[in-house]
Amino acid sequence: MIKMKEKDFKVEFDDVCIKALKKYQQKNREYESGGILVGEIYPSGNKVIVRHVIVSKKATRSFMGVNIDKKEMQEELEKVRKKTKYEYYYIGDWHTHPEKNPTPSWIDKKSYKKTLKTIVLQTNFVVFLIVGNGDDIMNSLWLKTYFLS
C-alpha cells in the first residue's frame, strides 16, 4: 500500500486535465457529468498529479445529479494503468455542479461515506472533486482528500 501523509498533502492537475474539466462545466443547463481521477503518486513529495480525467459515458445523469457507472470506471482505470505500465493510480472521484462555488450536497456526502466504507485502494487516501461553473475553473473547484486509517 502507498501511504501518504495528511499534513501538507498536495493535489495538482496537469493542463490536459484542467481543459477536460472545463469542457464538462455546467454553464448552459447541461446535465451533471462525473467520473474518476487518475494520476501519478509521489510519496517523497507528498503529492499526487492528476493526469487523466475519465468521464463515465454510461452514467445516469440529470441537471442536479449523476450516478457514475462503477464497472465502466474500473474498466477504464485498468486500461490507463496498463497503458502507463501501472505507474498511474486511481486518485478519486469527480463530478460537476451547476454553481460557481460548489459544495457537496447531502447526497454527495452520503455517497462519499458509502465509497469510503466500500472502496478497495492501493493507497491510504481518496480525493473527491466537485467542478463548479465559474470562469476561473481553479477558483471554482471544491476538493477534499480523505485519509483512511
N, C-alpha and C. Protein backbone atom coordinates (compact mmCIF):
# COMPACT_ATOMS: atom_id res chain seq x y z
N MET A 1 0.85 -1.18 0.00
CA MET A 1 0.00 0.00 0.00
C MET A 1 0.89 1.25 0.00
N ILE A 2 0.49 2.22 -0.80
CA ILE A 2 1.19 3.51 -0.84
C ILE A 2 0.57 4.41 0.22
N LYS A 3 1.40 4.82 1.17
CA LYS A 3 0.90 5.67 2.27
C LYS A 3 1.40 7.10 2.09
N MET A 4 0.45 8.02 2.19
CA MET A 4 0.75 9.44 2.11
C MET A 4 0.45 10.07 3.47
N LYS A 5 1.08 11.23 3.73
CA LYS A 5 0.85 11.94 4.98
C LYS A 5 -0.26 12.97 4.78
N GLU A 6 -1.12 13.07 5.76
CA GLU A 6 -2.22 14.03 5.67
C GLU A 6 -1.70 15.47 5.70
N LYS A 7 -0.69 15.72 6.54
CA LYS A 7 -0.15 17.07 6.67
C LYS A 7 0.58 17.48 5.39
N ASP A 8 0.22 18.63 4.85
CA ASP A 8 0.86 19.21 3.66
C ASP A 8 0.68 18.37 2.39
N PHE A 9 -0.35 17.54 2.34
CA PHE A 9 -0.64 16.75 1.15
C PHE A 9 -1.09 17.68 0.02
N LYS A 10 -0.58 17.45 -1.19
CA LYS A 10 -0.90 18.32 -2.33
C LYS A 10 -1.52 17.51 -3.47
N VAL A 11 -2.52 18.12 -4.10
CA VAL A 11 -3.13 17.56 -5.31
C VAL A 11 -2.92 18.59 -6.42
N GLU A 12 -2.28 18.17 -7.50
CA GLU A 12 -2.05 19.05 -8.64
C GLU A 12 -2.73 18.44 -9.87
N PHE A 13 -3.06 19.31 -10.83
CA PHE A 13 -3.70 18.88 -12.07
C PHE A 13 -2.84 19.33 -13.25
N ASP A 14 -2.61 18.43 -14.20
CA ASP A 14 -1.89 18.90 -15.38
C ASP A 14 -2.85 19.65 -16.29
N ASP A 15 -2.31 20.39 -17.24
CA ASP A 15 -3.12 21.27 -18.10
C ASP A 15 -4.18 20.51 -18.89
N VAL A 16 -3.87 19.30 -19.32
CA VAL A 16 -4.83 18.50 -20.08
C VAL A 16 -6.07 18.22 -19.23
N CYS A 17 -5.86 17.95 -17.96
CA CYS A 17 -6.98 17.67 -17.05
C CYS A 17 -7.82 18.92 -16.81
N ILE A 18 -7.16 20.06 -16.67
CA ILE A 18 -7.91 21.31 -16.46
C ILE A 18 -8.79 21.58 -17.68
N LYS A 19 -8.25 21.37 -18.88
CA LYS A 19 -9.04 21.56 -20.11
C LYS A 19 -10.22 20.60 -20.15
N ALA A 20 -10.00 19.36 -19.74
CA ALA A 20 -11.09 18.37 -19.73
C ALA A 20 -12.17 18.78 -18.73
N LEU A 21 -11.77 19.22 -17.56
CA LEU A 21 -12.77 19.64 -16.56
C LEU A 21 -13.55 20.85 -17.04
N LYS A 22 -12.89 21.78 -17.71
CA LYS A 22 -13.58 22.96 -18.27
C LYS A 22 -14.65 22.52 -19.27
N LYS A 23 -14.33 21.52 -20.06
CA LYS A 23 -15.24 21.01 -21.09
C LYS A 23 -16.56 20.53 -20.48
N TYR A 24 -16.50 20.00 -19.27
CA TYR A 24 -17.69 19.42 -18.65
C TYR A 24 -18.40 20.35 -17.67
N GLN A 25 -17.92 21.58 -17.50
CA GLN A 25 -18.61 22.52 -16.62
C GLN A 25 -20.06 22.70 -17.08
N GLN A 26 -20.95 22.86 -16.13
CA GLN A 26 -22.37 23.05 -16.41
C GLN A 26 -22.66 24.54 -16.56
N LYS A 27 -22.40 25.07 -17.73
CA LYS A 27 -22.58 26.51 -17.96
C LYS A 27 -23.94 26.86 -18.56
N ASN A 28 -24.54 25.93 -19.28
CA ASN A 28 -25.79 26.23 -20.00
C ASN A 28 -26.86 25.18 -19.73
N ARG A 29 -27.05 24.89 -18.46
CA ARG A 29 -28.07 23.93 -18.02
C ARG A 29 -27.83 22.50 -18.50
N GLU A 30 -26.55 22.18 -18.78
CA GLU A 30 -26.24 20.80 -19.13
C GLU A 30 -26.47 19.90 -17.91
N TYR A 31 -26.60 18.63 -18.15
CA TYR A 31 -26.70 17.66 -17.07
C TYR A 31 -25.34 17.50 -16.40
N GLU A 32 -25.35 17.05 -15.15
CA GLU A 32 -24.10 16.80 -14.44
C GLU A 32 -23.31 15.71 -15.14
N SER A 33 -21.99 15.81 -15.04
CA SER A 33 -21.07 14.79 -15.53
C SER A 33 -20.22 14.34 -14.35
N GLY A 34 -19.59 13.20 -14.50
CA GLY A 34 -18.72 12.72 -13.44
C GLY A 34 -17.90 11.54 -13.89
N GLY A 35 -16.98 11.14 -13.04
CA GLY A 35 -16.11 10.02 -13.36
C GLY A 35 -15.02 9.88 -12.31
N ILE A 36 -13.83 9.52 -12.79
CA ILE A 36 -12.72 9.30 -11.86
C ILE A 36 -11.50 10.12 -12.27
N LEU A 37 -10.62 10.30 -11.30
CA LEU A 37 -9.34 10.99 -11.49
C LEU A 37 -8.24 9.94 -11.39
N VAL A 38 -7.30 10.00 -12.32
CA VAL A 38 -6.20 9.04 -12.37
C VAL A 38 -4.90 9.80 -12.51
N GLY A 39 -3.86 9.34 -11.84
CA GLY A 39 -2.60 10.05 -11.97
C GLY A 39 -1.44 9.40 -11.27
N GLU A 40 -0.41 10.22 -11.10
CA GLU A 40 0.85 9.76 -10.51
C GLU A 40 0.89 10.12 -9.02
N ILE A 41 1.55 9.28 -8.27
CA ILE A 41 1.69 9.48 -6.84
C ILE A 41 3.17 9.63 -6.51
N TYR A 42 3.49 10.67 -5.76
CA TYR A 42 4.87 10.96 -5.36
C TYR A 42 4.96 10.99 -3.84
N PRO A 43 5.18 9.82 -3.21
CA PRO A 43 5.24 9.78 -1.75
C PRO A 43 6.34 10.69 -1.17
N SER A 44 7.48 10.78 -1.83
CA SER A 44 8.57 11.60 -1.28
C SER A 44 8.21 13.08 -1.27
N GLY A 45 7.37 13.51 -2.20
CA GLY A 45 6.92 14.91 -2.23
C GLY A 45 5.56 15.10 -1.60
N ASN A 46 4.97 13.99 -1.13
CA ASN A 46 3.64 14.00 -0.50
C ASN A 46 2.61 14.67 -1.41
N LYS A 47 2.64 14.29 -2.69
CA LYS A 47 1.70 14.90 -3.64
C LYS A 47 1.27 13.89 -4.69
N VAL A 48 0.15 14.23 -5.32
CA VAL A 48 -0.32 13.49 -6.49
C VAL A 48 -0.51 14.49 -7.62
N ILE A 49 -0.33 14.01 -8.83
CA ILE A 49 -0.61 14.83 -10.01
C ILE A 49 -1.66 14.09 -10.83
N VAL A 50 -2.82 14.72 -10.98
CA VAL A 50 -3.89 14.12 -11.77
C VAL A 50 -3.53 14.28 -13.24
N ARG A 51 -3.45 13.15 -13.95
CA ARG A 51 -3.05 13.13 -15.36
C ARG A 51 -4.19 12.79 -16.31
N HIS A 52 -5.23 12.14 -15.76
CA HIS A 52 -6.39 11.75 -16.58
C HIS A 52 -7.68 12.06 -15.83
N VAL A 53 -8.61 12.65 -16.55
CA VAL A 53 -9.97 12.85 -16.06
C VAL A 53 -10.83 11.94 -16.93
N ILE A 54 -11.34 10.87 -16.34
CA ILE A 54 -12.14 9.92 -17.10
C ILE A 54 -13.61 10.20 -16.79
N VAL A 55 -14.39 10.38 -17.84
CA VAL A 55 -15.82 10.66 -17.69
C VAL A 55 -16.60 9.36 -17.89
N SER A 56 -17.61 9.17 -17.08
CA SER A 56 -18.47 8.00 -17.21
C SER A 56 -19.50 8.26 -18.30
N LYS A 57 -19.33 7.59 -19.43
CA LYS A 57 -20.25 7.75 -20.56
C LYS A 57 -21.56 6.99 -20.32
N LYS A 58 -21.52 6.02 -19.42
CA LYS A 58 -22.72 5.22 -19.12
C LYS A 58 -23.45 5.72 -17.87
N ALA A 59 -23.05 6.86 -17.35
CA ALA A 59 -23.66 7.40 -16.13
C ALA A 59 -25.13 7.73 -16.34
N THR A 60 -25.89 7.64 -15.27
CA THR A 60 -27.25 8.14 -15.24
C THR A 60 -27.14 9.60 -14.82
N ARG A 61 -27.61 10.51 -15.69
CA ARG A 61 -27.36 11.93 -15.47
C ARG A 61 -28.66 12.73 -15.44
N SER A 62 -28.62 13.83 -14.64
CA SER A 62 -29.70 14.81 -14.63
C SER A 62 -29.06 16.16 -14.35
N PHE A 63 -29.86 17.21 -14.33
CA PHE A 63 -29.32 18.54 -14.06
C PHE A 63 -28.71 18.62 -12.66
N MET A 64 -29.29 17.93 -11.71
CA MET A 64 -28.82 18.00 -10.32
C MET A 64 -28.28 16.68 -9.80
N GLY A 65 -27.82 15.82 -10.69
CA GLY A 65 -27.28 14.56 -10.20
C GLY A 65 -26.60 13.73 -11.27
N VAL A 66 -25.68 12.90 -10.82
CA VAL A 66 -25.00 11.95 -11.71
C VAL A 66 -24.67 10.71 -10.90
N ASN A 67 -24.90 9.57 -11.49
CA ASN A 67 -24.56 8.30 -10.88
C ASN A 67 -23.62 7.59 -11.84
N ILE A 68 -22.31 7.65 -11.53
CA ILE A 68 -21.34 7.08 -12.45
C ILE A 68 -21.42 5.56 -12.45
N ASP A 69 -21.06 4.97 -13.58
CA ASP A 69 -21.07 3.53 -13.75
C ASP A 69 -19.73 2.98 -13.22
N LYS A 70 -19.77 2.36 -12.05
CA LYS A 70 -18.54 1.88 -11.39
C LYS A 70 -17.81 0.82 -12.21
N LYS A 71 -18.57 -0.07 -12.85
CA LYS A 71 -17.94 -1.13 -13.66
C LYS A 71 -17.20 -0.50 -14.83
N GLU A 72 -17.85 0.45 -15.50
CA GLU A 72 -17.21 1.15 -16.61
C GLU A 72 -15.94 1.86 -16.14
N MET A 73 -16.00 2.52 -14.96
CA MET A 73 -14.84 3.25 -14.47
C MET A 73 -13.69 2.31 -14.11
N GLN A 74 -14.01 1.14 -13.57
CA GLN A 74 -12.96 0.15 -13.25
C GLN A 74 -12.28 -0.32 -14.53
N GLU A 75 -13.08 -0.55 -15.58
CA GLU A 75 -12.51 -0.97 -16.86
C GLU A 75 -11.63 0.12 -17.47
N GLU A 76 -12.08 1.36 -17.41
CA GLU A 76 -11.30 2.48 -17.96
C GLU A 76 -10.02 2.70 -17.15
N LEU A 77 -10.12 2.56 -15.83
CA LEU A 77 -8.94 2.69 -14.98
C LEU A 77 -7.91 1.63 -15.35
N GLU A 78 -8.36 0.43 -15.53
CA GLU A 78 -7.44 -0.66 -15.87
C GLU A 78 -6.74 -0.40 -17.21
N LYS A 79 -7.47 0.15 -18.18
CA LYS A 79 -6.86 0.49 -19.48
C LYS A 79 -5.74 1.51 -19.31
N VAL A 80 -6.01 2.56 -18.53
CA VAL A 80 -4.99 3.61 -18.31
C VAL A 80 -3.81 3.04 -17.54
N ARG A 81 -4.08 2.24 -16.52
CA ARG A 81 -2.98 1.66 -15.74
C ARG A 81 -2.10 0.77 -16.60
N LYS A 82 -2.73 -0.03 -17.44
CA LYS A 82 -1.96 -0.93 -18.31
C LYS A 82 -1.13 -0.11 -19.31
N LYS A 83 -1.74 0.90 -19.89
CA LYS A 83 -1.06 1.77 -20.88
C LYS A 83 0.15 2.48 -20.26
N THR A 84 0.06 2.83 -18.97
CA THR A 84 1.14 3.55 -18.29
C THR A 84 2.05 2.59 -17.52
N LYS A 85 1.98 1.32 -17.85
CA LYS A 85 2.79 0.30 -17.17
C LYS A 85 2.57 0.32 -15.66
N TYR A 86 1.34 0.57 -15.27
CA TYR A 86 0.89 0.56 -13.88
C TYR A 86 1.58 1.62 -13.02
N GLU A 87 1.96 2.72 -13.65
CA GLU A 87 2.54 3.84 -12.90
C GLU A 87 1.49 4.87 -12.49
N TYR A 88 0.28 4.79 -13.07
CA TYR A 88 -0.81 5.69 -12.71
C TYR A 88 -1.79 4.92 -11.83
N TYR A 89 -2.42 5.67 -10.92
CA TYR A 89 -3.32 5.08 -9.94
C TYR A 89 -4.65 5.83 -9.91
N TYR A 90 -5.63 5.16 -9.36
CA TYR A 90 -6.91 5.82 -9.05
C TYR A 90 -6.61 6.85 -7.96
N ILE A 91 -7.03 8.11 -8.20
CA ILE A 91 -6.84 9.18 -7.22
C ILE A 91 -8.15 9.49 -6.51
N GLY A 92 -9.26 9.46 -7.27
CA GLY A 92 -10.55 9.75 -6.65
C GLY A 92 -11.66 9.92 -7.66
N ASP A 93 -12.77 10.46 -7.17
CA ASP A 93 -13.98 10.67 -7.98
C ASP A 93 -14.19 12.17 -8.21
N TRP A 94 -14.86 12.49 -9.31
CA TRP A 94 -15.20 13.89 -9.60
C TRP A 94 -16.59 13.95 -10.20
N HIS A 95 -17.22 15.09 -10.04
CA HIS A 95 -18.48 15.38 -10.74
C HIS A 95 -18.68 16.89 -10.78
N THR A 96 -19.65 17.31 -11.55
CA THR A 96 -19.91 18.74 -11.73
C THR A 96 -21.11 19.19 -10.90
N HIS A 97 -21.18 20.50 -10.68
CA HIS A 97 -22.34 21.16 -10.07
C HIS A 97 -22.65 22.41 -10.88
N PRO A 98 -23.91 22.77 -10.98
CA PRO A 98 -24.30 23.97 -11.75
C PRO A 98 -24.22 25.25 -10.90
N GLU A 99 -23.07 25.45 -10.26
CA GLU A 99 -22.89 26.64 -9.41
C GLU A 99 -21.43 27.06 -9.45
N LYS A 100 -21.19 28.33 -9.22
CA LYS A 100 -19.84 28.89 -9.29
C LYS A 100 -18.93 28.35 -8.18
N ASN A 101 -19.45 28.31 -6.97
CA ASN A 101 -18.68 27.83 -5.81
C ASN A 101 -19.34 26.59 -5.23
N PRO A 102 -19.03 25.43 -5.79
CA PRO A 102 -19.74 24.21 -5.38
C PRO A 102 -19.39 23.77 -3.96
N THR A 103 -20.38 23.16 -3.35
CA THR A 103 -20.21 22.48 -2.06
C THR A 103 -20.97 21.17 -2.16
N PRO A 104 -20.56 20.16 -1.41
CA PRO A 104 -21.23 18.87 -1.50
C PRO A 104 -22.66 18.92 -0.98
N SER A 105 -23.56 18.32 -1.73
CA SER A 105 -24.95 18.18 -1.29
C SER A 105 -25.01 17.04 -0.27
N TRP A 106 -26.17 16.87 0.36
CA TRP A 106 -26.31 15.77 1.31
C TRP A 106 -26.18 14.43 0.58
N ILE A 107 -26.61 14.39 -0.68
CA ILE A 107 -26.46 13.16 -1.48
C ILE A 107 -24.97 12.89 -1.72
N ASP A 108 -24.20 13.95 -2.03
CA ASP A 108 -22.76 13.79 -2.22
C ASP A 108 -22.12 13.24 -0.95
N LYS A 109 -22.46 13.82 0.19
CA LYS A 109 -21.88 13.40 1.46
C LYS A 109 -22.21 11.94 1.76
N LYS A 110 -23.44 11.55 1.48
CA LYS A 110 -23.86 10.16 1.68
C LYS A 110 -23.06 9.23 0.75
N SER A 111 -22.89 9.66 -0.50
CA SER A 111 -22.12 8.88 -1.48
C SER A 111 -20.66 8.75 -1.05
N TYR A 112 -20.07 9.84 -0.56
CA TYR A 112 -18.68 9.80 -0.11
C TYR A 112 -18.52 8.81 1.04
N LYS A 113 -19.45 8.83 2.00
CA LYS A 113 -19.39 7.90 3.13
C LYS A 113 -19.46 6.46 2.66
N LYS A 114 -20.36 6.20 1.71
CA LYS A 114 -20.50 4.84 1.18
C LYS A 114 -19.22 4.41 0.47
N THR A 115 -18.67 5.31 -0.33
CA THR A 115 -17.42 5.00 -1.04
C THR A 115 -16.31 4.68 -0.05
N LEU A 116 -16.19 5.50 0.99
CA LEU A 116 -15.12 5.29 1.97
C LEU A 116 -15.26 3.96 2.71
N LYS A 117 -16.49 3.48 2.86
CA LYS A 117 -16.72 2.20 3.54
C LYS A 117 -16.45 1.00 2.64
N THR A 118 -16.66 1.17 1.32
CA THR A 118 -16.63 0.01 0.43
C THR A 118 -15.42 -0.05 -0.51
N ILE A 119 -14.71 1.04 -0.66
CA ILE A 119 -13.64 1.10 -1.65
C ILE A 119 -12.42 0.27 -1.23
N VAL A 120 -11.79 -0.35 -2.22
CA VAL A 120 -10.55 -1.08 -2.01
C VAL A 120 -9.47 -0.29 -2.75
N LEU A 121 -8.46 0.16 -2.01
CA LEU A 121 -7.45 1.05 -2.57
C LEU A 121 -6.04 0.49 -2.45
N GLN A 122 -5.16 1.01 -3.29
CA GLN A 122 -3.74 0.73 -3.17
C GLN A 122 -3.03 1.87 -2.44
N THR A 123 -3.83 2.82 -1.95
CA THR A 123 -3.32 3.99 -1.25
C THR A 123 -4.09 4.15 0.05
N ASN A 124 -3.68 5.11 0.86
CA ASN A 124 -4.40 5.37 2.11
C ASN A 124 -5.25 6.63 2.02
N PHE A 125 -5.57 7.05 0.80
CA PHE A 125 -6.35 8.28 0.62
C PHE A 125 -7.26 8.16 -0.60
N VAL A 126 -8.26 9.02 -0.65
CA VAL A 126 -9.11 9.18 -1.83
C VAL A 126 -9.50 10.65 -1.92
N VAL A 127 -9.53 11.17 -3.14
CA VAL A 127 -9.85 12.57 -3.38
C VAL A 127 -11.25 12.65 -3.99
N PHE A 128 -12.04 13.61 -3.50
CA PHE A 128 -13.34 13.90 -4.09
C PHE A 128 -13.28 15.33 -4.61
N LEU A 129 -13.73 15.51 -5.85
CA LEU A 129 -13.66 16.80 -6.52
C LEU A 129 -15.03 17.16 -7.08
N ILE A 130 -15.46 18.40 -6.83
CA ILE A 130 -16.67 18.93 -7.45
C ILE A 130 -16.24 20.11 -8.30
N VAL A 131 -16.65 20.09 -9.57
CA VAL A 131 -16.29 21.13 -10.53
C VAL A 131 -17.46 22.09 -10.67
N GLY A 132 -17.23 23.35 -10.31
CA GLY A 132 -18.25 24.37 -10.47
C GLY A 132 -18.20 24.98 -11.85
N ASN A 133 -19.03 26.00 -12.07
CA ASN A 133 -19.12 26.58 -13.42
C ASN A 133 -18.55 28.00 -13.51
N GLY A 134 -17.69 28.37 -12.59
CA GLY A 134 -17.07 29.69 -12.64
C GLY A 134 -16.10 29.83 -13.80
N ASP A 135 -15.89 31.06 -14.25
CA ASP A 135 -14.98 31.31 -15.38
C ASP A 135 -13.54 30.90 -15.07
N ASP A 136 -13.09 31.15 -13.86
CA ASP A 136 -11.76 30.72 -13.42
C ASP A 136 -11.92 29.37 -12.74
N ILE A 137 -11.70 28.33 -13.51
CA ILE A 137 -12.01 26.98 -13.00
C ILE A 137 -11.24 26.64 -11.74
N MET A 138 -10.02 27.11 -11.60
CA MET A 138 -9.24 26.78 -10.41
C MET A 138 -9.86 27.37 -9.13
N ASN A 139 -10.62 28.45 -9.28
CA ASN A 139 -11.33 29.02 -8.14
C ASN A 139 -12.76 28.52 -8.05
N SER A 140 -13.09 27.55 -8.90
CA SER A 140 -14.44 27.01 -8.93
C SER A 140 -14.43 25.49 -8.66
N LEU A 141 -13.40 25.05 -7.93
CA LEU A 141 -13.28 23.64 -7.58
C LEU A 141 -13.45 23.46 -6.08
N TRP A 142 -14.20 22.44 -5.70
CA TRP A 142 -14.25 22.00 -4.30
C TRP A 142 -13.49 20.69 -4.27
N LEU A 143 -12.48 20.59 -3.44
CA LEU A 143 -11.64 19.39 -3.38
C LEU A 143 -11.44 18.99 -1.93
N LYS A 144 -11.63 17.71 -1.65
CA LYS A 144 -11.44 17.19 -0.30
C LYS A 144 -10.73 15.85 -0.39
N THR A 145 -9.69 15.71 0.39
CA THR A 145 -8.97 14.43 0.47
C THR A 145 -9.31 13.77 1.79
N TYR A 146 -9.71 12.52 1.72
CA TYR A 146 -9.98 11.73 2.91
C TYR A 146 -8.87 10.70 3.08
N PHE A 147 -8.32 10.63 4.27
CA PHE A 147 -7.28 9.65 4.59
C PHE A 147 -7.90 8.52 5.37
N LEU A 148 -7.57 7.31 4.97
CA LEU A 148 -8.12 6.12 5.60
C LEU A 148 -7.13 5.58 6.62
N SER A 149 -7.65 5.11 7.72
CA SER A 149 -6.75 4.58 8.75
C SER A 149 -6.36 3.15 8.48
